[in-house]
Amino acid sequence: QVQLVESGGGLVQAGGSLRLSCAASGRILSINAMGWYRQTPGKLRELVAAITSTGSARYADSVKDRFSISRDNAKNTVYLQMNSLKPEDTAVYYCNANVLGGGISYQNIWGQGTQVTVSS
């Protein structure tokens, strides 16, 4: 069974930076896209950034030029560098990965979430 474990969340002042990490573990044959989503109470989960296995990235308009996504395929890990944080970035951040494990098809796996709080 494949699991995603996130780390790096916390409390930071506006204008500060945080780096989130998400490591996939278990029986992994291949990982396609990996990404970060975020959710606040009463709102739908939204895409923050995603990256393909070959390194092509895309971002939500609200975080372009402030956030950067990267991955280490050898470590099955994806990162999210968040700079110039704003109070509106406060949310629970979830890691997502499209993984081929022991089955015959790719599955969408979610991490447990990590809280990011930006104070004004």
C-alpha atoms as a PDB file:
ATOM      1  CA  GLN A   1       0.000   0.000   0.000  1.00  0.00           C
ATOM      2  CA  VAL A   2       1.325   3.409  -0.952  1.00  0.00           C
ATOM      3  CA  GLN A   3       1.317   6.264   1.548  1.00  0.00           C
ATOM      4  CA  LEU A   4       2.129   9.953   1.255  1.00  0.00           C
ATOM      5  CA  VAL A   5       3.600  11.703   4.278  1.00  0.00           C
ATOM      6  CA  GLU A   6       3.748  15.489   4.341  1.00  0.00           C
ATOM      7  CA  SER A   7       5.920  17.709   6.485  1.00  0.00           C
ATOM      8  CA  GLY A   8       6.975  21.334   6.766  1.00  0.00           C
ATOM      9  CA  GLY A   9       3.771  23.123   7.645  1.00  0.00           C
ATOM     10  CA  GLY A  10       3.513  25.608  10.467  1.00  0.00           C
ATOM     11  CA  LEU A  11       2.966  29.204  11.496  1.00  0.00           C
ATOM     12  CA  VAL A  12       4.741  32.015   9.685  1.00  0.00           C
ATOM     13  CA  GLN A  13       4.359  35.770   9.431  1.00  0.00           C
ATOM     14  CA  ALA A  14       3.195  37.410   6.236  1.00  0.00           C
ATOM     15  CA  GLY A  15       6.082  37.797   3.834  1.00  0.00           C
ATOM     16  CA  GLY A  16       7.824  34.744   5.198  1.00  0.00           C
ATOM     17  CA  SER A  17       8.619  31.386   3.622  1.00  0.00           C
ATOM     18  CA  LEU A  18       7.906  27.727   4.212  1.00  0.00           C
ATOM     19  CA  ARG A  19       8.918  24.570   2.410  1.00  0.00           C
ATOM     20  CA  LEU A  20       6.581  21.589   2.305  1.00  0.00           C
ATOM     21  CA  SER A  21       7.778  18.069   1.586  1.00  0.00           C
ATOM     22  CA  CYS A  22       5.816  14.972   0.660  1.00  0.00           C
ATOM     23  CA  ALA A  23       7.395  11.539   0.474  1.00  0.00           C
ATOM     24  CA  ALA A  24       5.720   8.514  -1.067  1.00  0.00           C
ATOM     25  CA  SER A  25       6.451   5.119   0.453  1.00  0.00           C
ATOM     26  CA  GLY A  26       5.372   1.536  -0.070  1.00  0.00           C
ATOM     27  CA  ARG A  27       5.350  -0.580  -3.169  1.00  0.00           C
ATOM     28  CA  ILE A  28       5.879   1.951  -5.949  1.00  0.00           C
ATOM     29  CA  LEU A  29       6.490   1.037  -9.552  1.00  0.00           C
ATOM     30  CA  SER A  30       5.975   4.467 -11.059  1.00  0.00           C
ATOM     31  CA  ILE A  31       4.613   7.905 -10.200  1.00  0.00           C
ATOM     32  CA  ASN A  32       3.059  10.174 -12.788  1.00  0.00           C
ATOM     33  CA  ALA A  33       1.989  13.638 -11.704  1.00  0.00           C
ATOM     34  CA  MET A  34       2.461  14.881  -8.156  1.00  0.00           C
ATOM     35  CA  GLY A  35       0.911  17.980  -6.745  1.00  0.00           C
ATOM     36  CA  TRP A  36      -0.204  20.147  -3.875  1.00  0.00           C
ATOM     37  CA  TYR A  37      -3.762  21.182  -3.106  1.00  0.00           C
ATOM     38  CA  ARG A  38      -5.145  23.295  -0.307  1.00  0.00           C
ATOM     39  CA  GLN A  39      -8.443  23.623   1.476  1.00  0.00           C
ATOM     40  CA  THR A  40     -10.015  26.050   3.923  1.00  0.00           C
ATOM     41  CA  PRO A  41     -13.213  25.428   5.927  1.00  0.00           C
ATOM     42  CA  GLY A  42     -16.325  25.619   3.800  1.00  0.00           C
ATOM     43  CA  LYS A  43     -14.439  25.712   0.526  1.00  0.00           C
ATOM     44  CA  LEU A  44     -13.550  23.129  -2.088  1.00  0.00           C
ATOM     45  CA  ARG A  45     -10.060  21.742  -2.267  1.00  0.00           C
ATOM     46  CA  GLU A  46      -8.127  23.649  -4.913  1.00  0.00           C
ATOM     47  CA  LEU A  47      -5.013  22.935  -6.921  1.00  0.00           C
ATOM     48  CA  VAL A  48      -1.971  24.940  -5.871  1.00  0.00           C
ATOM     49  CA  ALA A  49       0.708  23.405  -8.089  1.00  0.00           C
ATOM     50  CA  ALA A  50       1.399  20.190  -9.953  1.00  0.00           C
ATOM     51  CA  ILE A  51       4.420  18.662 -11.649  1.00  0.00           C
ATOM     52  CA  THR A  52       4.767  15.832 -14.135  1.00  0.00           C
ATOM     53  CA  SER A  53       7.346  13.070 -13.938  1.00  0.00           C
ATOM     54  CA  THR A  54       9.447  14.974 -16.479  1.00  0.00           C
ATOM     55  CA  GLY A  55       9.343  18.217 -14.501  1.00  0.00           C
ATOM     56  CA  SER A  56       6.686  20.232 -16.275  1.00  0.00           C
ATOM     57  CA  ALA A  57       4.929  22.390 -13.681  1.00  0.00           C
ATOM     58  CA  ARG A  58       1.748  24.395 -13.500  1.00  0.00           C
ATOM     59  CA  TYR A  59       0.440  26.758 -10.847  1.00  0.00           C
ATOM     60  CA  ALA A  60      -2.728  28.403  -9.646  1.00  0.00           C
ATOM     61  CA  ASP A  61      -2.778  32.055 -10.667  1.00  0.00           C
ATOM     62  CA  SER A  62      -2.872  33.091  -7.019  1.00  0.00           C
ATOM     63  CA  VAL A  63       0.547  31.582  -6.274  1.00  0.00           C
ATOM     64  CA  LYS A  64       2.441  32.132  -9.512  1.00  0.00           C
ATOM     65  CA  ASP A  65       5.786  33.889  -8.974  1.00  0.00           C
ATOM     66  CA  ARG A  66       5.620  33.110  -5.228  1.00  0.00           C
ATOM     67  CA  PHE A  67       5.507  29.303  -5.021  1.00  0.00           C
ATOM     68  CA  SER A  68       7.745  26.756  -6.705  1.00  0.00           C
ATOM     69  CA  ILE A  69       7.114  23.027  -7.027  1.00  0.00           C
ATOM     70  CA  SER A  70       9.864  20.481  -7.570  1.00  0.00           C
ATOM     71  CA  ARG A  71      10.365  16.747  -7.199  1.00  0.00           C
ATOM     72  CA  ASP A  72      13.081  14.200  -6.624  1.00  0.00           C
ATOM     73  CA  ASN A  73      12.108  11.094  -8.554  1.00  0.00           C
ATOM     74  CA  ALA A  74      14.820   8.997  -6.918  1.00  0.00           C
ATOM     75  CA  LYS A  75      13.295   9.755  -3.513  1.00  0.00           C
ATOM     76  CA  ASN A  76       9.641   9.724  -4.646  1.00  0.00           C
ATOM     77  CA  THR A  77       9.344  13.133  -3.038  1.00  0.00           C
ATOM     78  CA  VAL A  78       7.688  16.376  -4.064  1.00  0.00           C
ATOM     79  CA  TYR A  79       8.400  19.790  -2.584  1.00  0.00           C
ATOM     80  CA  LEU A  80       6.585  23.097  -2.457  1.00  0.00           C
ATOM     81  CA  GLN A  81       8.662  26.186  -1.760  1.00  0.00           C
ATOM     82  CA  MET A  82       6.360  28.967  -0.629  1.00  0.00           C
ATOM     83  CA  ASN A  83       7.721  32.511  -0.557  1.00  0.00           C
ATOM     84  CA  SER A  84       6.117  35.895   0.113  1.00  0.00           C
ATOM     85  CA  LEU A  85       3.337  34.168   2.014  1.00  0.00           C
ATOM     86  CA  LYS A  86       0.061  35.992   2.530  1.00  0.00           C
ATOM     87  CA  PRO A  87      -2.674  35.470   5.133  1.00  0.00           C
ATOM     88  CA  GLU A  88      -4.929  34.181   2.342  1.00  0.00           C
ATOM     89  CA  ASP A  89      -2.483  31.289   1.843  1.00  0.00           C
ATOM     90  CA  THR A  90      -3.616  29.922   5.212  1.00  0.00           C
ATOM     91  CA  ALA A  91      -5.074  26.459   4.621  1.00  0.00           C
ATOM     92  CA  VAL A  92      -4.525  22.757   5.059  1.00  0.00           C
ATOM     93  CA  TYR A  93      -2.174  21.664   2.289  1.00  0.00           C
ATOM     94  CA  TYR A  94      -2.560  18.190   0.825  1.00  0.00           C
ATOM     95  CA  CYS A  95      -0.102  16.238  -1.250  1.00  0.00           C
ATOM     96  CA  ASN A  96      -1.409  14.195  -4.163  1.00  0.00           C
ATOM     97  CA  ALA A  97       0.250  11.628  -6.397  1.00  0.00           C
ATOM     98  CA  ASN A  98      -0.803   9.410  -9.258  1.00  0.00           C
ATOM     99  CA  VAL A  99       0.894   6.132  -8.407  1.00  0.00           C
ATOM    100  CA  LEU A 100       1.319   2.724  -9.985  1.00  0.00           C
ATOM    101  CA  GLY A 101       1.810   0.366  -7.061  1.00  0.00           C
ATOM    102  CA  GLY A 102       1.000  -3.302  -6.948  1.00  0.00           C
ATOM    103  CA  GLY A 103      -2.087  -3.033  -9.121  1.00  0.00           C
ATOM    104  CA  ILE A 104      -2.514  -2.807 -12.862  1.00  0.00           C
ATOM    105  CA  SER A 105      -3.555   0.817 -12.998  1.00  0.00           C
ATOM    106  CA  TYR A 106      -2.508   4.154 -11.547  1.00  0.00           C
ATOM    107  CA  GLN A 107      -4.273   5.300  -8.398  1.00  0.00           C
ATOM    108  CA  ASN A 108      -4.782   8.772  -6.992  1.00  0.00           C
ATOM    109  CA  ILE A 109      -3.273   8.916  -3.504  1.00  0.00           C
ATOM    110  CA  TRP A 110      -3.691  11.721  -0.931  1.00  0.00           C
ATOM    111  CA  GLY A 111      -1.592  12.665   2.049  1.00  0.00           C
ATOM    112  CA  GLN A 112      -3.077  13.436   5.447  1.00  0.00           C
ATOM    113  CA  GLY A 113      -2.623  17.187   5.115  1.00  0.00           C
ATOM    114  CA  THR A 114      -0.429  19.742   6.842  1.00  0.00           C
ATOM    115  CA  GLN A 115      -1.589  23.055   8.282  1.00  0.00           C
ATOM    116  CA  VAL A 116      -0.072  26.285   7.012  1.00  0.00           C
ATOM    117  CA  THR A 117      -1.008  29.429   8.917  1.00  0.00           C
ATOM    118  CA  VAL A 118       0.148  32.875   7.816  1.00  0.00           C
ATOM    119  CA  SER A 119      -0.326  35.668  10.334  1.00  0.00           C
ATOM    120  CA  SER A 120      -0.731  39.290   9.321  1.00  0.00           C
END
